[in-house]
Amino acid sequence: MVQKKTQKVIVRGMKKEWFIDHFKDMEVYFGGDPRGVPAYDSDFIGFYLEAPDSAITHIGLVDQIERDSDGATFHLKAVIKLDEPIKVADHAIRKQEYWELKELGIDKIGLIFNNFFKIGGTS
C-alpha cells in the first residue's frame, strides 16, 4: 500500500496543451519511467505550466487514485485556478515535486474544503 501525504501537493510539470487534456478528462496520469510515478499519494495535484507561464496555476482536488504496474492515475473532483500563479524562479518542474500546502498559500482553504467532504458534504 502506498503511503498518503495529506499535507503535500504533488506538483506536475506539463505543457499548456497537456493541462487542457487533463482538465477536460479530470484525471492526471503518471507513468512510463518509474521515476515519473509519485512515490506517495496525495489529496492535491498542482499544475505547473512550462514557459512562458513557468508557474503553478491550478490545484486539482483528488477524488480517487488507481495504481497499477505501469503507473498511477489521479482522478480529480475539482480543479481550482489560483488567484495568483506561483512562480518557480530557480528551476522548471519537469516530472513532479512534492510541495507543502503552505508554500502555495492555500493551506487553510484546502484543509477546510477537504474536511467539508469528511464531515458530511457530498462528493
PDB file of N, CA and C in Angstrom:
ATOM      1  N   MET A   1       0.841  -1.187   0.000  1.00  0.00           N
ATOM      2  CA  MET A   1       0.000   0.000   0.000  1.00  0.00           C
ATOM      3  C   MET A   1       0.882   1.244   0.000  1.00  0.00           C
ATOM      4  N   VAL A   2       0.500   2.233  -0.778  1.00  0.00           N
ATOM      5  CA  VAL A   2       1.253   3.477  -0.902  1.00  0.00           C
ATOM      6  C   VAL A   2       0.834   4.428   0.209  1.00  0.00           C
ATOM      7  N   GLN A   3       1.816   5.039   0.853  1.00  0.00           N
ATOM      8  CA  GLN A   3       1.537   5.983   1.930  1.00  0.00           C
ATOM      9  C   GLN A   3       0.934   7.262   1.366  1.00  0.00           C
ATOM     10  N   LYS A   4      -0.025   7.848   2.111  1.00  0.00           N
ATOM     11  CA  LYS A   4      -0.659   9.091   1.683  1.00  0.00           C
ATOM     12  C   LYS A   4      -0.062  10.255   2.451  1.00  0.00           C
ATOM     13  N   LYS A   5       0.274  11.314   1.735  1.00  0.00           N
ATOM     14  CA  LYS A   5       0.799  12.547   2.321  1.00  0.00           C
ATOM     15  C   LYS A   5      -0.293  13.602   2.192  1.00  0.00           C
ATOM     16  N   THR A   6      -1.105  13.779   3.233  1.00  0.00           N
ATOM     17  CA  THR A   6      -2.275  14.644   3.123  1.00  0.00           C
ATOM     18  C   THR A   6      -1.937  16.128   3.117  1.00  0.00           C
ATOM     19  N   GLN A   7      -0.802  16.527   3.626  1.00  0.00           N
ATOM     20  CA  GLN A   7      -0.427  17.937   3.636  1.00  0.00           C
ATOM     21  C   GLN A   7       0.444  18.306   2.441  1.00  0.00           C
ATOM     22  N   LYS A   8       0.655  17.371   1.556  1.00  0.00           N
ATOM     23  CA  LYS A   8       1.522  17.596   0.400  1.00  0.00           C
ATOM     24  C   LYS A   8       0.698  17.782  -0.871  1.00  0.00           C
ATOM     25  N   VAL A   9       1.290  18.525  -1.794  1.00  0.00           N
ATOM     26  CA  VAL A   9       0.735  18.695  -3.133  1.00  0.00           C
ATOM     27  C   VAL A   9       1.745  18.091  -4.100  1.00  0.00           C
ATOM     28  N   ILE A  10       1.302  17.181  -4.939  1.00  0.00           N
ATOM     29  CA  ILE A  10       2.174  16.667  -5.991  1.00  0.00           C
ATOM     30  C   ILE A  10       2.075  17.666  -7.140  1.00  0.00           C
ATOM     31  N   VAL A  11       3.157  18.382  -7.395  1.00  0.00           N
ATOM     32  CA  VAL A  11       3.158  19.383  -8.460  1.00  0.00           C
ATOM     33  C   VAL A  11       3.685  18.730  -9.727  1.00  0.00           C
ATOM     34  N   ARG A  12       2.864  18.731 -10.744  1.00  0.00           N
ATOM     35  CA  ARG A  12       3.173  18.077 -12.018  1.00  0.00           C
ATOM     36  C   ARG A  12       3.524  19.131 -13.059  1.00  0.00           C
ATOM     37  N   GLY A  13       4.700  19.014 -13.644  1.00  0.00           N
ATOM     38  CA  GLY A  13       5.091  19.906 -14.727  1.00  0.00           C
ATOM     39  C   GLY A  13       4.507  19.431 -16.046  1.00  0.00           C
ATOM     40  N   MET A  14       4.004  20.373 -16.853  1.00  0.00           N
ATOM     41  CA  MET A  14       3.419  19.991 -18.136  1.00  0.00           C
ATOM     42  C   MET A  14       3.304  21.181 -19.078  1.00  0.00           C
ATOM     43  N   LYS A  15       3.117  20.844 -20.339  1.00  0.00           N
ATOM     44  CA  LYS A  15       2.840  21.857 -21.348  1.00  0.00           C
ATOM     45  C   LYS A  15       1.380  22.283 -21.229  1.00  0.00           C
ATOM     46  N   LYS A  16       1.088  23.499 -21.668  1.00  0.00           N
ATOM     47  CA  LYS A  16      -0.269  24.027 -21.538  1.00  0.00           C
ATOM     48  C   LYS A  16      -1.304  23.134 -22.230  1.00  0.00           C
ATOM     49  N   GLU A  17      -0.977  22.595 -23.410  1.00  0.00           N
ATOM     50  CA  GLU A  17      -1.946  21.748 -24.109  1.00  0.00           C
ATOM     51  C   GLU A  17      -2.205  20.447 -23.349  1.00  0.00           C
ATOM     52  N   TRP A  18      -1.211  19.930 -22.625  1.00  0.00           N
ATOM     53  CA  TRP A  18      -1.432  18.742 -21.797  1.00  0.00           C
ATOM     54  C   TRP A  18      -2.364  19.077 -20.645  1.00  0.00           C
ATOM     55  N   PHE A  19      -2.190  20.250 -20.055  1.00  0.00           N
ATOM     56  CA  PHE A  19      -3.065  20.667 -18.957  1.00  0.00           C
ATOM     57  C   PHE A  19      -4.516  20.679 -19.424  1.00  0.00           C
ATOM     58  N   ILE A  20      -4.764  21.203 -20.603  1.00  0.00           N
ATOM     59  CA  ILE A  20      -6.131  21.264 -21.125  1.00  0.00           C
ATOM     60  C   ILE A  20      -6.703  19.855 -21.256  1.00  0.00           C
ATOM     61  N   ASP A  21      -5.899  18.886 -21.709  1.00  0.00           N
ATOM     62  CA  ASP A  21      -6.360  17.496 -21.796  1.00  0.00           C
ATOM     63  C   ASP A  21      -6.669  16.920 -20.420  1.00  0.00           C
ATOM     64  N   HIS A  22      -5.786  17.161 -19.433  1.00  0.00           N
ATOM     65  CA  HIS A  22      -6.024  16.663 -18.073  1.00  0.00           C
ATOM     66  C   HIS A  22      -7.281  17.296 -17.485  1.00  0.00           C
ATOM     67  N   PHE A  23      -7.431  18.595 -17.689  1.00  0.00           N
ATOM     68  CA  PHE A  23      -8.583  19.306 -17.144  1.00  0.00           C
ATOM     69  C   PHE A  23      -9.872  18.759 -17.750  1.00  0.00           C
ATOM     70  N   LYS A  24      -9.862  18.524 -19.050  1.00  0.00           N
ATOM     71  CA  LYS A  24     -11.042  18.008 -19.757  1.00  0.00           C
ATOM     72  C   LYS A  24     -11.435  16.639 -19.213  1.00  0.00           C
ATOM     73  N   ASP A  25     -10.450  15.768 -18.989  1.00  0.00           N
ATOM     74  CA  ASP A  25     -10.722  14.405 -18.529  1.00  0.00           C
ATOM     75  C   ASP A  25     -10.806  14.281 -17.012  1.00  0.00           C
ATOM     76  N   MET A  26     -10.425  15.336 -16.295  1.00  0.00           N
ATOM     77  CA  MET A  26     -10.420  15.335 -14.827  1.00  0.00           C
ATOM     78  C   MET A  26      -9.588  14.177 -14.270  1.00  0.00           C
ATOM     79  N   GLU A  27      -8.442  13.924 -14.899  1.00  0.00           N
ATOM     80  CA  GLU A  27      -7.521  12.921 -14.389  1.00  0.00           C
ATOM     81  C   GLU A  27      -6.101  13.283 -14.796  1.00  0.00           C
ATOM     82  N   VAL A  28      -5.169  12.838 -13.969  1.00  0.00           N
ATOM     83  CA  VAL A  28      -3.749  13.065 -14.231  1.00  0.00           C
ATOM     84  C   VAL A  28      -3.063  11.708 -14.187  1.00  0.00           C
ATOM     85  N   TYR A  29      -2.378  11.364 -15.274  1.00  0.00           N
ATOM     86  CA  TYR A  29      -1.678  10.085 -15.348  1.00  0.00           C
ATOM     87  C   TYR A  29      -0.186  10.307 -15.155  1.00  0.00           C
ATOM     88  N   PHE A  30       0.411   9.482 -14.311  1.00  0.00           N
ATOM     89  CA  PHE A  30       1.857   9.443 -14.117  1.00  0.00           C
ATOM     90  C   PHE A  30       2.303   8.050 -14.526  1.00  0.00           C
ATOM     91  N   GLY A  31       3.209   7.936 -15.478  1.00  0.00           N
ATOM     92  CA  GLY A  31       3.639   6.615 -15.895  1.00  0.00           C
ATOM     93  C   GLY A  31       4.864   6.657 -16.772  1.00  0.00           C
ATOM     94  N   GLY A  32       5.117   5.512 -17.387  1.00  0.00           N
ATOM     95  CA  GLY A  32       6.312   5.388 -18.215  1.00  0.00           C
ATOM     96  C   GLY A  32       7.501   5.051 -17.344  1.00  0.00           C
ATOM     97  N   ASP A  33       8.439   5.947 -17.262  1.00  0.00           N
ATOM     98  CA  ASP A  33       9.623   5.789 -16.417  1.00  0.00           C
ATOM     99  C   ASP A  33       9.183   5.698 -14.949  1.00  0.00           C
ATOM    100  N   PRO A  34       9.627   4.674 -14.202  1.00  0.00           N
ATOM    101  CA  PRO A  34       9.235   4.548 -12.795  1.00  0.00           C
ATOM    102  C   PRO A  34       9.538   5.799 -11.963  1.00  0.00           C
ATOM    103  N   ARG A  35      10.552   6.570 -12.348  1.00  0.00           N
ATOM    104  CA  ARG A  35      10.856   7.806 -11.618  1.00  0.00           C
ATOM    105  C   ARG A  35       9.793   8.874 -11.859  1.00  0.00           C
ATOM    106  N   GLY A  36       8.964   8.664 -12.862  1.00  0.00           N
ATOM    107  CA  GLY A  36       7.901   9.606 -13.172  1.00  0.00           C
ATOM    108  C   GLY A  36       6.607   9.334 -12.430  1.00  0.00           C
ATOM    109  N   VAL A  37       6.577   8.268 -11.622  1.00  0.00           N
ATOM    110  CA  VAL A  37       5.383   7.909 -10.863  1.00  0.00           C
ATOM    111  C   VAL A  37       5.580   8.352  -9.415  1.00  0.00           C
ATOM    112  N   PRO A  38       4.640   9.140  -8.853  1.00  0.00           N
ATOM    113  CA  PRO A  38       4.796   9.587  -7.467  1.00  0.00           C
ATOM    114  C   PRO A  38       4.936   8.414  -6.503  1.00  0.00           C
ATOM    115  N   ALA A  39       5.852   8.564  -5.558  1.00  0.00           N
ATOM    116  CA  ALA A  39       6.064   7.531  -4.545  1.00  0.00           C
ATOM    117  C   ALA A  39       4.965   7.554  -3.488  1.00  0.00           C
ATOM    118  N   TYR A  40       4.279   8.687  -3.356  1.00  0.00           N
ATOM    119  CA  TYR A  40       3.231   8.855  -2.349  1.00  0.00           C
ATOM    120  C   TYR A  40       1.929   9.281  -3.018  1.00  0.00           C
ATOM    121  N   ASP A  41       0.825   8.996  -2.349  1.00  0.00           N
ATOM    122  CA  ASP A  41      -0.467   9.522  -2.762  1.00  0.00           C
ATOM    123  C   ASP A  41      -0.679  10.864  -2.075  1.00  0.00           C
ATOM    124  N   SER A  42      -1.577  11.658  -2.600  1.00  0.00           N
ATOM    125  CA  SER A  42      -1.874  12.966  -2.030  1.00  0.00           C
ATOM    126  C   SER A  42      -3.307  13.347  -2.366  1.00  0.00           C
ATOM    127  N   ASP A  43      -3.851  14.292  -1.606  1.00  0.00           N
ATOM    128  CA  ASP A  43      -5.192  14.803  -1.873  1.00  0.00           C
ATOM    129  C   ASP A  43      -5.188  15.915  -2.912  1.00  0.00           C
ATOM    130  N   PHE A  44      -3.992  16.383  -3.300  1.00  0.00           N
ATOM    131  CA  PHE A  44      -3.887  17.547  -4.176  1.00  0.00           C
ATOM    132  C   PHE A  44      -2.855  17.333  -5.276  1.00  0.00           C
ATOM    133  N   ILE A  45      -3.176  17.818  -6.478  1.00  0.00           N
ATOM    134  CA  ILE A  45      -2.234  17.857  -7.596  1.00  0.00           C
ATOM    135  C   ILE A  45      -2.098  19.319  -8.010  1.00  0.00           C
ATOM    136  N   GLY A  46      -0.868  19.810  -8.066  1.00  0.00           N
ATOM    137  CA  GLY A  46      -0.617  21.155  -8.570  1.00  0.00           C
ATOM    138  C   GLY A  46      -0.212  21.068 -10.027  1.00  0.00           C
ATOM    139  N   PHE A  47      -0.650  22.021 -10.823  1.00  0.00           N
ATOM    140  CA  PHE A  47      -0.321  22.048 -12.249  1.00  0.00           C
ATOM    141  C   PHE A  47       0.675  23.168 -12.523  1.00  0.00           C
ATOM    142  N   TYR A  48       1.912  22.773 -12.818  1.00  0.00           N
ATOM    143  CA  TYR A  48       2.956  23.724 -13.203  1.00  0.00           C
ATOM    144  C   TYR A  48       2.999  23.755 -14.720  1.00  0.00           C
ATOM    145  N   LEU A  49       2.733  24.926 -15.294  1.00  0.00           N
ATOM    146  CA  LEU A  49       2.766  25.068 -16.746  1.00  0.00           C
ATOM    147  C   LEU A  49       4.122  25.598 -17.167  1.00  0.00           C
ATOM    148  N   GLU A  50       4.699  24.947 -18.181  1.00  0.00           N
ATOM    149  CA  GLU A  50       6.014  25.341 -18.687  1.00  0.00           C
ATOM    150  C   GLU A  50       5.964  26.746 -19.286  1.00  0.00           C
ATOM    151  N   ALA A  51       7.126  27.261 -19.678  1.00  0.00           N
ATOM    152  CA  ALA A  51       7.255  28.594 -20.275  1.00  0.00           C
ATOM    153  C   ALA A  51       6.258  28.737 -21.429  1.00  0.00           C
ATOM    154  N   PRO A  52       5.669  29.875 -21.578  1.00  0.00           N
ATOM    155  CA  PRO A  52       6.029  31.143 -20.943  1.00  0.00           C
ATOM    156  C   PRO A  52       5.429  31.351 -19.557  1.00  0.00           C
ATOM    157  N   ASP A  53       4.503  30.475 -19.104  1.00  0.00           N
ATOM    158  CA  ASP A  53       3.907  30.648 -17.774  1.00  0.00           C
ATOM    159  C   ASP A  53       4.938  30.443 -16.670  1.00  0.00           C
ATOM    160  N   SER A  54       5.629  29.295 -16.699  1.00  0.00           N
ATOM    161  CA  SER A  54       6.629  28.933 -15.681  1.00  0.00           C
ATOM    162  C   SER A  54       6.098  29.150 -14.269  1.00  0.00           C
ATOM    163  N   ALA A  55       4.890  28.615 -14.024  1.00  0.00           N
ATOM    164  CA  ALA A  55       4.241  28.830 -12.731  1.00  0.00           C
ATOM    165  C   ALA A  55       3.228  27.721 -12.458  1.00  0.00           C
ATOM    166  N   ILE A  56       2.915  27.550 -11.171  1.00  0.00           N
ATOM    167  CA  ILE A  56       1.823  26.673 -10.753  1.00  0.00           C
ATOM    168  C   ILE A  56       0.562  27.523 -10.856  1.00  0.00           C
ATOM    169  N   THR A  57      -0.370  27.110 -11.693  1.00  0.00           N
ATOM    170  CA  THR A  57      -1.540  27.939 -11.986  1.00  0.00           C
ATOM    171  C   THR A  57      -2.852  27.388 -11.431  1.00  0.00           C
ATOM    172  N   HIS A  58      -2.912  26.082 -11.195  1.00  0.00           N
ATOM    173  CA  HIS A  58      -4.144  25.434 -10.751  1.00  0.00           C
ATOM    174  C   HIS A  58      -3.815  24.333  -9.741  1.00  0.00           C
ATOM    175  N   ILE A  59      -4.801  23.994  -8.920  1.00  0.00           N
ATOM    176  CA  ILE A  59      -4.711  22.876  -7.980  1.00  0.00           C
ATOM    177  C   ILE A  59      -5.891  21.952  -8.243  1.00  0.00           C
ATOM    178  N   GLY A  60      -5.614  20.660  -8.384  1.00  0.00           N
ATOM    179  CA  GLY A  60      -6.668  19.667  -8.529  1.00  0.00           C
ATOM    180  C   GLY A  60      -6.909  18.963  -7.206  1.00  0.00           C
ATOM    181  N   LEU A  61      -8.175  18.740  -6.867  1.00  0.00           N
ATOM    182  CA  LEU A  61      -8.546  18.000  -5.659  1.00  0.00           C
ATOM    183  C   LEU A  61      -8.791  16.552  -6.060  1.00  0.00           C
ATOM    184  N   VAL A  62      -8.043  15.647  -5.459  1.00  0.00           N
ATOM    185  CA  VAL A  62      -8.063  14.236  -5.850  1.00  0.00           C
ATOM    186  C   VAL A  62      -9.274  13.534  -5.256  1.00  0.00           C
ATOM    187  N   ASP A  63      -9.992  12.812  -6.096  1.00  0.00           N
ATOM    188  CA  ASP A  63     -11.140  12.021  -5.680  1.00  0.00           C
ATOM    189  C   ASP A  63     -10.719  10.589  -5.387  1.00  0.00           C
ATOM    190  N   GLN A  64      -9.994   9.977  -6.322  1.00  0.00           N
ATOM    191  CA  GLN A  64      -9.503   8.609  -6.123  1.00  0.00           C
ATOM    192  C   GLN A  64      -8.241   8.403  -6.941  1.00  0.00           C
ATOM    193  N   ILE A  65      -7.499   7.362  -6.578  1.00  0.00           N
ATOM    194  CA  ILE A  65      -6.226   7.061  -7.226  1.00  0.00           C
ATOM    195  C   ILE A  65      -6.229   5.595  -7.639  1.00  0.00           C
ATOM    196  N   GLU A  66      -5.871   5.350  -8.886  1.00  0.00           N
ATOM    197  CA  GLU A  66      -5.722   3.984  -9.387  1.00  0.00           C
ATOM    198  C   GLU A  66      -4.251   3.769  -9.712  1.00  0.00           C
ATOM    199  N   ARG A  67      -3.665   2.770  -9.086  1.00  0.00           N
ATOM    200  CA  ARG A  67      -2.268   2.418  -9.362  1.00  0.00           C
ATOM    201  C   ARG A  67      -2.220   1.026  -9.981  1.00  0.00           C
ATOM    202  N   ASP A  68      -1.298   0.863 -10.929  1.00  0.00           N
ATOM    203  CA  ASP A  68      -1.025  -0.457 -11.484  1.00  0.00           C
ATOM    204  C   ASP A  68       0.474  -0.555 -11.718  1.00  0.00           C
ATOM    205  N   SER A  69       0.910  -1.612 -12.351  1.00  0.00           N
ATOM    206  CA  SER A  69       2.351  -1.829 -12.523  1.00  0.00           C
ATOM    207  C   SER A  69       3.000  -0.802 -13.449  1.00  0.00           C
ATOM    208  N   ASP A  70       2.205  -0.116 -14.262  1.00  0.00           N
ATOM    209  CA  ASP A  70       2.749   0.856 -15.216  1.00  0.00           C
ATOM    210  C   ASP A  70       2.733   2.296 -14.726  1.00  0.00           C
ATOM    211  N   GLY A  71       1.898   2.602 -13.735  1.00  0.00           N
ATOM    212  CA  GLY A  71       1.807   3.992 -13.303  1.00  0.00           C
ATOM    213  C   GLY A  71       0.659   4.229 -12.351  1.00  0.00           C
ATOM    214  N   ALA A  72       0.210   5.483 -12.308  1.00  0.00           N
ATOM    215  CA  ALA A  72      -0.873   5.872 -11.412  1.00  0.00           C
ATOM    216  C   ALA A  72      -1.729   6.933 -12.093  1.00  0.00           C
ATOM    217  N   THR A  73      -3.047   6.788 -11.937  1.00  0.00           N
ATOM    218  CA  THR A  73      -3.984   7.785 -12.444  1.00  0.00           C
ATOM    219  C   THR A  73      -4.684   8.420 -11.254  1.00  0.00           C
ATOM    220  N   PHE A  74      -4.578   9.735 -11.147  1.00  0.00           N
ATOM    221  CA  PHE A  74      -5.230  10.502 -10.094  1.00  0.00           C
ATOM    222  C   PHE A  74      -6.490  11.123 -10.695  1.00  0.00           C
ATOM    223  N   HIS A  75      -7.665  10.659 -10.258  1.00  0.00           N
ATOM    224  CA  HIS A  75      -8.943  11.183 -10.732  1.00  0.00           C
ATOM    225  C   HIS A  75      -9.307  12.385  -9.864  1.00  0.00           C
ATOM    226  N   LEU A  76      -9.703  13.475 -10.509  1.00  0.00           N
ATOM    227  CA  LEU A  76      -9.963  14.723  -9.803  1.00  0.00           C
ATOM    228  C   LEU A  76     -11.453  14.975  -9.640  1.00  0.00           C
ATOM    229  N   LYS A  77     -11.827  15.599  -8.512  1.00  0.00           N
ATOM    230  CA  LYS A  77     -13.217  16.007  -8.320  1.00  0.00           C
ATOM    231  C   LYS A  77     -13.401  17.488  -8.590  1.00  0.00           C
ATOM    232  N   ALA A  78     -12.316  18.247  -8.601  1.00  0.00           N
ATOM    233  CA  ALA A  78     -12.384  19.682  -8.897  1.00  0.00           C
ATOM    234  C   ALA A  78     -10.999  20.178  -9.274  1.00  0.00           C
ATOM    235  N   VAL A  79     -10.972  21.242 -10.065  1.00  0.00           N
ATOM    236  CA  VAL A  79      -9.738  21.944 -10.392  1.00  0.00           C
ATOM    237  C   VAL A  79      -9.973  23.413 -10.064  1.00  0.00           C
ATOM    238  N   ILE A  80      -9.082  23.968  -9.250  1.00  0.00           N
ATOM    239  CA  ILE A  80      -9.216  25.346  -8.787  1.00  0.00           C
ATOM    240  C   ILE A  80      -8.095  26.186  -9.371  1.00  0.00           C
ATOM    241  N   LYS A  81      -8.463  27.302  -9.986  1.00  0.00           N
ATOM    242  CA  LYS A  81      -7.461  28.229 -10.509  1.00  0.00           C
ATOM    243  C   LYS A  81      -6.967  29.100  -9.357  1.00  0.00           C
ATOM    244  N   LEU A  82      -5.650  29.193  -9.209  1.00  0.00           N
ATOM    245  CA  LEU A  82      -5.081  30.039  -8.164  1.00  0.00           C
ATOM    246  C   LEU A  82      -5.275  31.506  -8.532  1.00  0.00           C
ATOM    247  N   ASP A  83      -5.571  32.337  -7.531  1.00  0.00           N
ATOM    248  CA  ASP A  83      -5.715  33.777  -7.780  1.00  0.00           C
ATOM    249  C   ASP A  83      -4.440  34.355  -8.373  1.00  0.00           C
ATOM    250  N   GLU A  84      -3.322  33.952  -7.820  1.00  0.00           N
ATOM    251  CA  GLU A  84      -2.017  34.399  -8.299  1.00  0.00           C
ATOM    252  C   GLU A  84      -1.168  33.167  -8.595  1.00  0.00           C
ATOM    253  N   PRO A  85      -0.701  33.001  -9.823  1.00  0.00           N
ATOM    254  CA  PRO A  85       0.182  31.868 -10.123  1.00  0.00           C
ATOM    255  C   PRO A  85       1.425  31.898  -9.235  1.00  0.00           C
ATOM    256  N   ILE A  86       1.894  30.721  -8.848  1.00  0.00           N
ATOM    257  CA  ILE A  86       3.097  30.595  -8.024  1.00  0.00           C
ATOM    258  C   ILE A  86       4.280  30.421  -8.970  1.00  0.00           C
ATOM    259  N   LYS A  87       5.103  31.435  -9.074  1.00  0.00           N
ATOM    260  CA  LYS A  87       6.280  31.383  -9.947  1.00  0.00           C
ATOM    261  C   LYS A  87       7.351  30.513  -9.298  1.00  0.00           C
ATOM    262  N   VAL A  88       8.029  29.742 -10.108  1.00  0.00           N
ATOM    263  CA  VAL A  88       9.158  28.929  -9.660  1.00  0.00           C
ATOM    264  C   VAL A  88      10.377  29.513 -10.361  1.00  0.00           C
ATOM    265  N   ALA A  89      11.102  30.354  -9.642  1.00  0.00           N
ATOM    266  CA  ALA A  89      12.150  31.168 -10.260  1.00  0.00           C
ATOM    267  C   ALA A  89      13.424  30.395 -10.581  1.00  0.00           C
ATOM    268  N   ASP A  90      13.782  29.425  -9.742  1.00  0.00           N
ATOM    269  CA  ASP A  90      15.111  28.831  -9.881  1.00  0.00           C
ATOM    270  C   ASP A  90      15.182  27.566 -10.733  1.00  0.00           C
ATOM    271  N   HIS A  91      14.048  26.988 -11.110  1.00  0.00           N
ATOM    272  CA  HIS A  91      14.087  25.780 -11.937  1.00  0.00           C
ATOM    273  C   HIS A  91      12.703  25.505 -12.541  1.00  0.00           C
ATOM    274  N   ALA A  92      12.693  24.732 -13.598  1.00  0.00           N
ATOM    275  CA  ALA A  92      11.437  24.260 -14.182  1.00  0.00           C
ATOM    276  C   ALA A  92      11.098  22.911 -13.554  1.00  0.00           C
ATOM    277  N   ILE A  93       9.826  22.620 -13.437  1.00  0.00           N
ATOM    278  CA  ILE A  93       9.388  21.328 -12.907  1.00  0.00           C
ATOM    279  C   ILE A  93       9.104  20.431 -14.110  1.00  0.00           C
ATOM    280  N   ARG A  94       9.889  19.380 -14.251  1.00  0.00           N
ATOM    281  CA  ARG A  94       9.781  18.501 -15.418  1.00  0.00           C
ATOM    282  C   ARG A  94       8.819  17.331 -15.187  1.00  0.00           C
ATOM    283  N   LYS A  95       8.971  16.615 -14.114  1.00  0.00           N
ATOM    284  CA  LYS A  95       8.101  15.468 -13.837  1.00  0.00           C
ATOM    285  C   LYS A  95       7.172  15.842 -12.688  1.00  0.00           C
ATOM    286  N   GLN A  96       7.587  15.600 -11.444  1.00  0.00           N
ATOM    287  CA  GLN A  96       6.784  16.034 -10.308  1.00  0.00           C
ATOM    288  C   GLN A  96       7.689  16.365  -9.133  1.00  0.00           C
ATOM    289  N   GLU A  97       7.157  17.194  -8.250  1.00  0.00           N
ATOM    290  CA  GLU A  97       7.808  17.557  -6.996  1.00  0.00           C
ATOM    291  C   GLU A  97       6.732  17.551  -5.920  1.00  0.00           C
ATOM    292  N   TYR A  98       7.166  17.401  -4.678  1.00  0.00           N
ATOM    293  CA  TYR A  98       6.242  17.490  -3.548  1.00  0.00           C
ATOM    294  C   TYR A  98       6.398  18.857  -2.903  1.00  0.00           C
ATOM    295  N   TRP A  99       5.295  19.566  -2.761  1.00  0.00           N
ATOM    296  CA  TRP A  99       5.274  20.875  -2.117  1.00  0.00           C
ATOM    297  C   TRP A  99       4.335  20.805  -0.919  1.00  0.00           C
ATOM    298  N   GLU A 100       4.572  21.672   0.049  1.00  0.00           N
ATOM    299  CA  GLU A 100       3.660  21.819   1.184  1.00  0.00           C
ATOM    300  C   GLU A 100       2.499  22.718   0.769  1.00  0.00           C
ATOM    301  N   LEU A 101       1.334  22.490   1.344  1.00  0.00           N
ATOM    302  CA  LEU A 101       0.199  23.364   1.074  1.00  0.00           C
ATOM    303  C   LEU A 101       0.533  24.823   1.385  1.00  0.00           C
ATOM    304  N   LYS A 102       1.248  25.052   2.477  1.00  0.00           N
ATOM    305  CA  LYS A 102       1.592  26.426   2.864  1.00  0.00           C
ATOM    306  C   LYS A 102       2.417  27.134   1.801  1.00  0.00           C
ATOM    307  N   GLU A 103       3.259  26.397   1.093  1.00  0.00           N
ATOM    308  CA  GLU A 103       4.081  27.010   0.048  1.00  0.00           C
ATOM    309  C   GLU A 103       3.228  27.577  -1.086  1.00  0.00           C
ATOM    310  N   LEU A 104       2.013  27.068  -1.227  1.00  0.00           N
ATOM    311  CA  LEU A 104       1.106  27.544  -2.263  1.00  0.00           C
ATOM    312  C   LEU A 104       0.140  28.598  -1.733  1.00  0.00           C
ATOM    313  N   GLY A 105       0.189  28.864  -0.428  1.00  0.00           N
ATOM    314  CA  GLY A 105      -0.682  29.871   0.159  1.00  0.00           C
ATOM    315  C   GLY A 105      -2.133  29.445   0.248  1.00  0.00           C
ATOM    316  N   ILE A 106      -2.417  28.149   0.257  1.00  0.00           N
ATOM    317  CA  ILE A 106      -3.812  27.686   0.273  1.00  0.00           C
ATOM    318  C   ILE A 106      -4.086  26.709   1.409  1.00  0.00           C
ATOM    319  N   ASP A 107      -3.196  26.622   2.389  1.00  0.00           N
ATOM    320  CA  ASP A 107      -3.351  25.576   3.401  1.00  0.00           C
ATOM    321  C   ASP A 107      -4.686  25.635   4.124  1.00  0.00           C
ATOM    322  N   LYS A 108      -5.133  26.794   4.548  1.00  0.00           N
ATOM    323  CA  LYS A 108      -6.399  26.861   5.283  1.00  0.00           C
ATOM    324  C   LYS A 108      -7.586  26.596   4.367  1.00  0.00           C
ATOM    325  N   ILE A 109      -7.590  27.164   3.192  1.00  0.00           N
ATOM    326  CA  ILE A 109      -8.680  26.937   2.248  1.00  0.00           C
ATOM    327  C   ILE A 109      -8.742  25.466   1.864  1.00  0.00           C
ATOM    328  N   GLY A 110      -7.596  24.862   1.543  1.00  0.00           N
ATOM    329  CA  GLY A 110      -7.561  23.459   1.151  1.00  0.00           C
ATOM    330  C   GLY A 110      -8.034  22.544   2.254  1.00  0.00           C
ATOM    331  N   LEU A 111      -7.605  22.811   3.485  1.00  0.00           N
ATOM    332  CA  LEU A 111      -7.994  21.953   4.592  1.00  0.00           C
ATOM    333  C   LEU A 111      -9.470  22.090   4.914  1.00  0.00           C
ATOM    334  N   ILE A 112     -10.007  23.289   4.864  1.00  0.00           N
ATOM    335  CA  ILE A 112     -11.433  23.475   5.116  1.00  0.00           C
ATOM    336  C   ILE A 112     -12.240  22.740   4.047  1.00  0.00           C
ATOM    337  N   PHE A 113     -11.872  22.891   2.797  1.00  0.00           N
ATOM    338  CA  PHE A 113     -12.588  22.233   1.711  1.00  0.00           C
ATOM    339  C   PHE A 113     -12.497  20.722   1.848  1.00  0.00           C
ATOM    340  N   ASN A 114     -11.306  20.216   2.141  1.00  0.00           N
ATOM    341  CA  ASN A 114     -11.097  18.781   2.280  1.00  0.00           C
ATOM    342  C   ASN A 114     -11.902  18.233   3.457  1.00  0.00           C
ATOM    343  N   ASN A 115     -11.915  18.931   4.588  1.00  0.00           N
ATOM    344  CA  ASN A 115     -12.657  18.466   5.754  1.00  0.00           C
ATOM    345  C   ASN A 115     -14.159  18.531   5.534  1.00  0.00           C
ATOM    346  N   PHE A 116     -14.631  19.430   4.689  1.00  0.00           N
ATOM    347  CA  PHE A 116     -16.052  19.505   4.372  1.00  0.00           C
ATOM    348  C   PHE A 116     -16.552  18.154   3.871  1.00  0.00           C
ATOM    349  N   PHE A 117     -15.791  17.528   3.007  1.00  0.00           N
ATOM    350  CA  PHE A 117     -16.204  16.237   2.468  1.00  0.00           C
ATOM    351  C   PHE A 117     -16.157  15.154   3.535  1.00  0.00           C
ATOM    352  N   LYS A 118     -15.189  15.216   4.445  1.00  0.00           N
ATOM    353  CA  LYS A 118     -15.079  14.213   5.501  1.00  0.00           C
ATOM    354  C   LYS A 118     -16.214  14.347   6.511  1.00  0.00           C
ATOM    355  N   ILE A 119     -16.670  15.596   6.753  1.00  0.00           N
ATOM    356  CA  ILE A 119     -17.691  15.850   7.766  1.00  0.00           C
ATOM    357  C   ILE A 119     -19.073  15.424   7.285  1.00  0.00           C
ATOM    358  N   GLY A 120     -19.306  15.433   6.005  1.00  0.00           N
ATOM    359  CA  GLY A 120     -20.618  15.006   5.538  1.00  0.00           C
ATOM    360  C   GLY A 120     -21.097  15.727   4.305  1.00  0.00           C
ATOM    361  N   GLY A 121     -20.234  16.483   3.681  1.00  0.00           N
ATOM    362  CA  GLY A 121     -20.598  17.120   2.420  1.00  0.00           C
ATOM    363  C   GLY A 121     -20.699  16.067   1.336  1.00  0.00           C
ATOM    364  N   THR A 122     -21.229  16.455   0.226  1.00  0.00           N
ATOM    365  CA  THR A 122     -21.356  15.498  -0.872  1.00  0.00           C
ATOM    366  C   THR A 122     -20.090  15.488  -1.701  1.00  0.00           C
ATOM    367  N   SER A 123     -19.775  14.355  -2.225  1.00  0.00           N
ATOM    368  CA  SER A 123     -18.601  14.247  -3.111  1.00  0.00           C
ATOM    369  C   SER A 123     -18.962  13.505  -4.359  1.00  0.00           C
TER     370      SER A 123
END
